[in-house]
């Protein structure tokens, strides 16, 4: 039994709503995945702050046709299409997809769209190499901590070097005065 017109309109409205909060889209070919594997992919992507949405290509085209930011995705729509929608942490969603792809060996990343620009599959996979938000926070915190440590050591070193200089002067004067 096919979908009703009303049902299709609901799907298009849901897609448009999802796209309004989305920062990037990655298009994958999910052909050959079982229902359990698709559920696993959805759960993995959801844990990383993304959404995995499966819809007919025609309905996706209708959802993106009025938004020029997402129109490049139309070139990637063929066969069995799933969309990975990211809100904030793009790199971790792509990393999680690549782990899933490595585990199942059944899907193919066709490409994506980031800020209105079409990405090839190689460019999309390169985003996985970017550090996650947590990793960036850790690096910044480490850099700030290292800077604070250097400042503290420097501040502590000033009185010590003055004391060593005075002691050297006293030793020099003491050595000359005794002769």
C-alpha atoms as a PDB file:
ATOM      1  CA  UNK A   1       0.000   0.000   0.000  1.00  0.00           C
ATOM      2  CA  UNK A   2       1.446   3.363  -1.045  1.00  0.00           C
ATOM      3  CA  UNK A   3       1.625   6.523   0.976  1.00  0.00           C
ATOM      4  CA  UNK A   4      -1.222   8.987   0.823  1.00  0.00           C
ATOM      5  CA  UNK A   5      -0.723  12.548  -0.375  1.00  0.00           C
ATOM      6  CA  UNK A   6      -1.293  13.778   3.168  1.00  0.00           C
ATOM      7  CA  UNK A   7       1.347  11.393   4.489  1.00  0.00           C
ATOM      8  CA  UNK A   8       3.844  12.584   1.853  1.00  0.00           C
ATOM      9  CA  UNK A   9       3.173  16.207   2.779  1.00  0.00           C
ATOM     10  CA  UNK A  10       3.898  15.369   6.422  1.00  0.00           C
ATOM     11  CA  UNK A  11       7.225  13.773   5.450  1.00  0.00           C
ATOM     12  CA  UNK A  12       8.195  16.819   3.356  1.00  0.00           C
ATOM     13  CA  UNK A  13       7.242  19.151   6.231  1.00  0.00           C
ATOM     14  CA  UNK A  14       9.286  17.044   8.663  1.00  0.00           C
ATOM     15  CA  UNK A  15      12.287  17.134   6.303  1.00  0.00           C
ATOM     16  CA  UNK A  16      12.004  20.923   5.933  1.00  0.00           C
ATOM     17  CA  UNK A  17      11.835  21.260   9.720  1.00  0.00           C
ATOM     18  CA  UNK A  18      14.922  19.062  10.159  1.00  0.00           C
ATOM     19  CA  UNK A  19      16.804  21.014   7.480  1.00  0.00           C
ATOM     20  CA  UNK A  20      16.073  24.347   9.180  1.00  0.00           C
ATOM     21  CA  UNK A  21      18.180  23.244  12.197  1.00  0.00           C
ATOM     22  CA  UNK A  22      20.840  21.433  10.178  1.00  0.00           C
ATOM     23  CA  UNK A  23      24.407  22.579   9.574  1.00  0.00           C
ATOM     24  CA  UNK A  24      25.387  19.903   7.061  1.00  0.00           C
ATOM     25  CA  UNK A  25      23.965  16.909   5.197  1.00  0.00           C
ATOM     26  CA  UNK A  26      25.763  13.732   4.210  1.00  0.00           C
ATOM     27  CA  UNK A  27      24.147  11.403   1.684  1.00  0.00           C
ATOM     28  CA  UNK A  28      24.736   7.685   1.941  1.00  0.00           C
ATOM     29  CA  UNK A  29      23.606   4.687  -0.071  1.00  0.00           C
ATOM     30  CA  UNK A  30      22.134   2.262   2.458  1.00  0.00           C
ATOM     31  CA  UNK A  31      21.332  -0.520  -0.004  1.00  0.00           C
ATOM     32  CA  UNK A  32      21.848  -3.939   1.554  1.00  0.00           C
ATOM     33  CA  UNK A  33      21.446  -2.889   5.189  1.00  0.00           C
ATOM     34  CA  UNK A  34      19.071  -4.836   7.391  1.00  0.00           C
ATOM     35  CA  UNK A  35      16.515  -3.090   9.586  1.00  0.00           C
ATOM     36  CA  UNK A  36      18.697  -3.859  12.606  1.00  0.00           C
ATOM     37  CA  UNK A  37      21.751  -2.299  10.959  1.00  0.00           C
ATOM     38  CA  UNK A  38      19.787   0.820  10.014  1.00  0.00           C
ATOM     39  CA  UNK A  39      18.576   1.104  13.614  1.00  0.00           C
ATOM     40  CA  UNK A  40      22.168   0.710  14.802  1.00  0.00           C
ATOM     41  CA  UNK A  41      23.302   3.491  12.432  1.00  0.00           C
ATOM     42  CA  UNK A  42      20.490   5.773  13.616  1.00  0.00           C
ATOM     43  CA  UNK A  43      21.398   5.180  17.260  1.00  0.00           C
ATOM     44  CA  UNK A  44      25.097   5.803  16.663  1.00  0.00           C
ATOM     45  CA  UNK A  45      24.414   9.038  14.767  1.00  0.00           C
ATOM     46  CA  UNK A  46      21.893  10.217  17.375  1.00  0.00           C
ATOM     47  CA  UNK A  47      24.486   9.717  20.148  1.00  0.00           C
ATOM     48  CA  UNK A  48      26.797  12.109  18.278  1.00  0.00           C
ATOM     49  CA  UNK A  49      24.116  14.804  17.935  1.00  0.00           C
ATOM     50  CA  UNK A  50      23.036  13.978  14.401  1.00  0.00           C
ATOM     51  CA  UNK A  51      19.970  12.505  12.729  1.00  0.00           C
ATOM     52  CA  UNK A  52      19.697   9.703  10.197  1.00  0.00           C
ATOM     53  CA  UNK A  53      16.646  10.179   7.968  1.00  0.00           C
ATOM     54  CA  UNK A  54      15.488   7.836   5.232  1.00  0.00           C
ATOM     55  CA  UNK A  55      12.981   9.134   2.681  1.00  0.00           C
ATOM     56  CA  UNK A  56      12.180   8.757  -0.972  1.00  0.00           C
ATOM     57  CA  UNK A  57      14.416  10.813  -3.254  1.00  0.00           C
ATOM     58  CA  UNK A  58      11.400  12.617  -4.735  1.00  0.00           C
ATOM     59  CA  UNK A  59      10.259  13.780  -1.288  1.00  0.00           C
ATOM     60  CA  UNK A  60      13.801  14.940  -0.428  1.00  0.00           C
ATOM     61  CA  UNK A  61      13.922  16.900  -3.712  1.00  0.00           C
ATOM     62  CA  UNK A  62      10.616  18.590  -2.886  1.00  0.00           C
ATOM     63  CA  UNK A  63      11.875  19.453   0.627  1.00  0.00           C
ATOM     64  CA  UNK A  64      15.097  21.103  -0.632  1.00  0.00           C
ATOM     65  CA  UNK A  65      13.843  22.748  -3.830  1.00  0.00           C
ATOM     66  CA  UNK A  66      12.913  26.050  -2.130  1.00  0.00           C
ATOM     67  CA  UNK A  67      16.110  26.302  -0.064  1.00  0.00           C
ATOM     68  CA  UNK A  68      19.145  27.132  -2.208  1.00  0.00           C
ATOM     69  CA  UNK A  69      21.445  26.224   0.681  1.00  0.00           C
ATOM     70  CA  UNK A  70      20.445  22.540   0.322  1.00  0.00           C
ATOM     71  CA  UNK A  71      19.834  22.325  -3.436  1.00  0.00           C
ATOM     72  CA  UNK A  72      23.273  20.772  -4.162  1.00  0.00           C
ATOM     73  CA  UNK A  73      22.073  17.629  -2.373  1.00  0.00           C
ATOM     74  CA  UNK A  74      19.770  16.885  -5.342  1.00  0.00           C
ATOM     75  CA  UNK A  75      22.732  15.763  -7.453  1.00  0.00           C
ATOM     76  CA  UNK A  76      23.493  13.033  -4.880  1.00  0.00           C
ATOM     77  CA  UNK A  77      19.992  11.525  -4.797  1.00  0.00           C
ATOM     78  CA  UNK A  78      19.794   8.134  -6.506  1.00  0.00           C
ATOM     79  CA  UNK A  79      18.933   4.574  -5.486  1.00  0.00           C
ATOM     80  CA  UNK A  80      18.443   3.950  -1.749  1.00  0.00           C
ATOM     81  CA  UNK A  81      19.238   7.227   0.005  1.00  0.00           C
ATOM     82  CA  UNK A  82      19.708   8.015   3.671  1.00  0.00           C
ATOM     83  CA  UNK A  83      20.550  11.492   4.942  1.00  0.00           C
ATOM     84  CA  UNK A  84      22.871  12.096   7.869  1.00  0.00           C
ATOM     85  CA  UNK A  85      21.951  15.515   9.242  1.00  0.00           C
ATOM     86  CA  UNK A  86      24.338  17.264  11.628  1.00  0.00           C
ATOM     87  CA  UNK A  87      23.646  20.180  13.917  1.00  0.00           C
ATOM     88  CA  UNK A  88      26.943  21.031  15.606  1.00  0.00           C
ATOM     89  CA  UNK A  89      29.677  18.440  15.726  1.00  0.00           C
ATOM     90  CA  UNK A  90      30.093  17.504  12.074  1.00  0.00           C
ATOM     91  CA  UNK A  91      33.367  15.597  12.486  1.00  0.00           C
ATOM     92  CA  UNK A  92      32.113  13.189  15.137  1.00  0.00           C
ATOM     93  CA  UNK A  93      29.018  12.277  13.093  1.00  0.00           C
ATOM     94  CA  UNK A  94      31.179  11.478  10.043  1.00  0.00           C
ATOM     95  CA  UNK A  95      33.653   9.549  12.243  1.00  0.00           C
ATOM     96  CA  UNK A  96      30.806   7.492  13.676  1.00  0.00           C
ATOM     97  CA  UNK A  97      29.469   6.799  10.182  1.00  0.00           C
ATOM     98  CA  UNK A  98      32.947   5.685   9.039  1.00  0.00           C
ATOM     99  CA  UNK A  99      33.125   3.281  12.018  1.00  0.00           C
ATOM    100  CA  UNK A 100      29.707   1.922  11.069  1.00  0.00           C
ATOM    101  CA  UNK A 101      30.805   1.608   7.437  1.00  0.00           C
ATOM    102  CA  UNK A 102      33.948  -0.266   8.511  1.00  0.00           C
ATOM    103  CA  UNK A 103      31.847  -2.635  10.655  1.00  0.00           C
ATOM    104  CA  UNK A 104      29.185  -3.401   8.019  1.00  0.00           C
ATOM    105  CA  UNK A 105      31.072  -2.839   4.731  1.00  0.00           C
ATOM    106  CA  UNK A 106      27.681  -2.279   3.047  1.00  0.00           C
ATOM    107  CA  UNK A 107      27.169   1.461   2.732  1.00  0.00           C
ATOM    108  CA  UNK A 108      28.690   4.139   0.548  1.00  0.00           C
ATOM    109  CA  UNK A 109      29.110   7.827   1.332  1.00  0.00           C
ATOM    110  CA  UNK A 110      28.098   9.660  -1.839  1.00  0.00           C
ATOM    111  CA  UNK A 111      28.932  13.149  -0.655  1.00  0.00           C
ATOM    112  CA  UNK A 112      27.382  15.977   1.261  1.00  0.00           C
ATOM    113  CA  UNK A 113      26.475  19.633   1.522  1.00  0.00           C
ATOM    114  CA  UNK A 114      28.063  22.072   3.950  1.00  0.00           C
ATOM    115  CA  UNK A 115      26.948  25.704   4.051  1.00  0.00           C
ATOM    116  CA  UNK A 116      25.482  25.485   0.552  1.00  0.00           C
ATOM    117  CA  UNK A 117      28.605  23.918  -0.969  1.00  0.00           C
ATOM    118  CA  UNK A 118      28.539  20.419  -2.422  1.00  0.00           C
ATOM    119  CA  UNK A 119      31.147  18.042  -1.003  1.00  0.00           C
ATOM    120  CA  UNK A 120      32.558  15.006  -2.760  1.00  0.00           C
ATOM    121  CA  UNK A 121      32.748  11.775  -0.801  1.00  0.00           C
ATOM    122  CA  UNK A 122      36.490  12.357  -0.250  1.00  0.00           C
ATOM    123  CA  UNK A 123      35.870  15.873   1.090  1.00  0.00           C
ATOM    124  CA  UNK A 124      33.076  14.595   3.323  1.00  0.00           C
ATOM    125  CA  UNK A 125      35.275  11.816   4.711  1.00  0.00           C
ATOM    126  CA  UNK A 126      38.075  14.312   5.346  1.00  0.00           C
ATOM    127  CA  UNK A 127      35.781  16.029   7.857  1.00  0.00           C
ATOM    128  CA  UNK A 128      36.114  12.925  10.022  1.00  0.00           C
ATOM    129  CA  UNK A 129      39.767  13.807  10.556  1.00  0.00           C
ATOM    130  CA  UNK A 130      38.812  17.093  12.216  1.00  0.00           C
ATOM    131  CA  UNK A 131      38.955  17.018  16.006  1.00  0.00           C
ATOM    132  CA  UNK A 132      35.644  16.857  17.847  1.00  0.00           C
ATOM    133  CA  UNK A 133      34.375  19.723  19.960  1.00  0.00           C
ATOM    134  CA  UNK A 134      35.482  17.925  23.147  1.00  0.00           C
ATOM    135  CA  UNK A 135      38.981  17.375  21.734  1.00  0.00           C
ATOM    136  CA  UNK A 136      39.232  21.075  20.828  1.00  0.00           C
ATOM    137  CA  UNK A 137      38.107  22.065  24.325  1.00  0.00           C
ATOM    138  CA  UNK A 138      40.736  19.760  25.812  1.00  0.00           C
ATOM    139  CA  UNK A 139      43.473  21.228  23.599  1.00  0.00           C
ATOM    140  CA  UNK A 140      42.486  24.792  24.509  1.00  0.00           C
ATOM    141  CA  UNK A 141      42.346  23.938  28.207  1.00  0.00           C
ATOM    142  CA  UNK A 142      45.773  22.291  27.960  1.00  0.00           C
ATOM    143  CA  UNK A 143      47.231  25.341  26.207  1.00  0.00           C
ATOM    144  CA  UNK A 144      45.772  27.692  28.828  1.00  0.00           C
ATOM    145  CA  UNK A 145      47.076  25.477  31.619  1.00  0.00           C
ATOM    146  CA  UNK A 146      50.555  25.360  30.044  1.00  0.00           C
ATOM    147  CA  UNK A 147      50.589  29.149  29.705  1.00  0.00           C
ATOM    148  CA  UNK A 148      49.526  29.602  33.328  1.00  0.00           C
ATOM    149  CA  UNK A 149      52.266  27.209  34.449  1.00  0.00           C
ATOM    150  CA  UNK A 150      54.895  29.114  32.464  1.00  0.00           C
ATOM    151  CA  UNK A 151      53.738  32.423  33.934  1.00  0.00           C
ATOM    152  CA  UNK A 152      53.850  30.993  37.473  1.00  0.00           C
ATOM    153  CA  UNK A 153      57.345  29.589  36.947  1.00  0.00           C
ATOM    154  CA  UNK A 154      58.482  32.920  35.483  1.00  0.00           C
ATOM    155  CA  UNK A 155      57.050  34.897  38.393  1.00  0.00           C
ATOM    156  CA  UNK A 156      58.665  32.519  40.870  1.00  0.00           C
ATOM    157  CA  UNK A 157      61.976  32.692  39.014  1.00  0.00           C
ATOM    158  CA  UNK A 158      62.346  36.515  39.293  1.00  0.00           C
ATOM    159  CA  UNK A 159      62.940  36.621  43.083  1.00  0.00           C
ATOM    160  CA  UNK A 160      65.129  33.507  42.883  1.00  0.00           C
ATOM    161  CA  UNK A 161      67.367  35.036  40.216  1.00  0.00           C
ATOM    162  CA  UNK A 162      67.651  38.291  42.211  1.00  0.00           C
ATOM    163  CA  UNK A 163      68.610  36.289  45.296  1.00  0.00           C
ATOM    164  CA  UNK A 164      71.219  34.315  43.329  1.00  0.00           C
ATOM    165  CA  UNK A 165      72.602  37.562  41.894  1.00  0.00           C
ATOM    166  CA  UNK A 166      72.866  39.124  45.351  1.00  0.00           C
ATOM    167  CA  UNK A 167      74.474  35.982  46.732  1.00  0.00           C
ATOM    168  CA  UNK A 168      77.017  35.990  43.911  1.00  0.00           C
ATOM    169  CA  UNK A 169      77.793  39.654  44.634  1.00  0.00           C
ATOM    170  CA  UNK A 170      78.188  38.955  48.343  1.00  0.00           C
ATOM    171  CA  UNK A 171      80.441  35.990  47.612  1.00  0.00           C
ATOM    172  CA  UNK A 172      82.527  38.097  45.226  1.00  0.00           C
ATOM    173  CA  UNK A 173      82.789  40.980  47.730  1.00  0.00           C
ATOM    174  CA  UNK A 174      83.457  38.571  50.551  1.00  0.00           C
ATOM    175  CA  UNK A 175      86.254  36.934  48.591  1.00  0.00           C
ATOM    176  CA  UNK A 176      87.906  40.273  47.719  1.00  0.00           C
ATOM    177  CA  UNK A 177      87.471  41.804  51.194  1.00  0.00           C
ATOM    178  CA  UNK A 178      89.261  38.944  52.894  1.00  0.00           C
ATOM    179  CA  UNK A 179      92.547  39.429  51.026  1.00  0.00           C
END
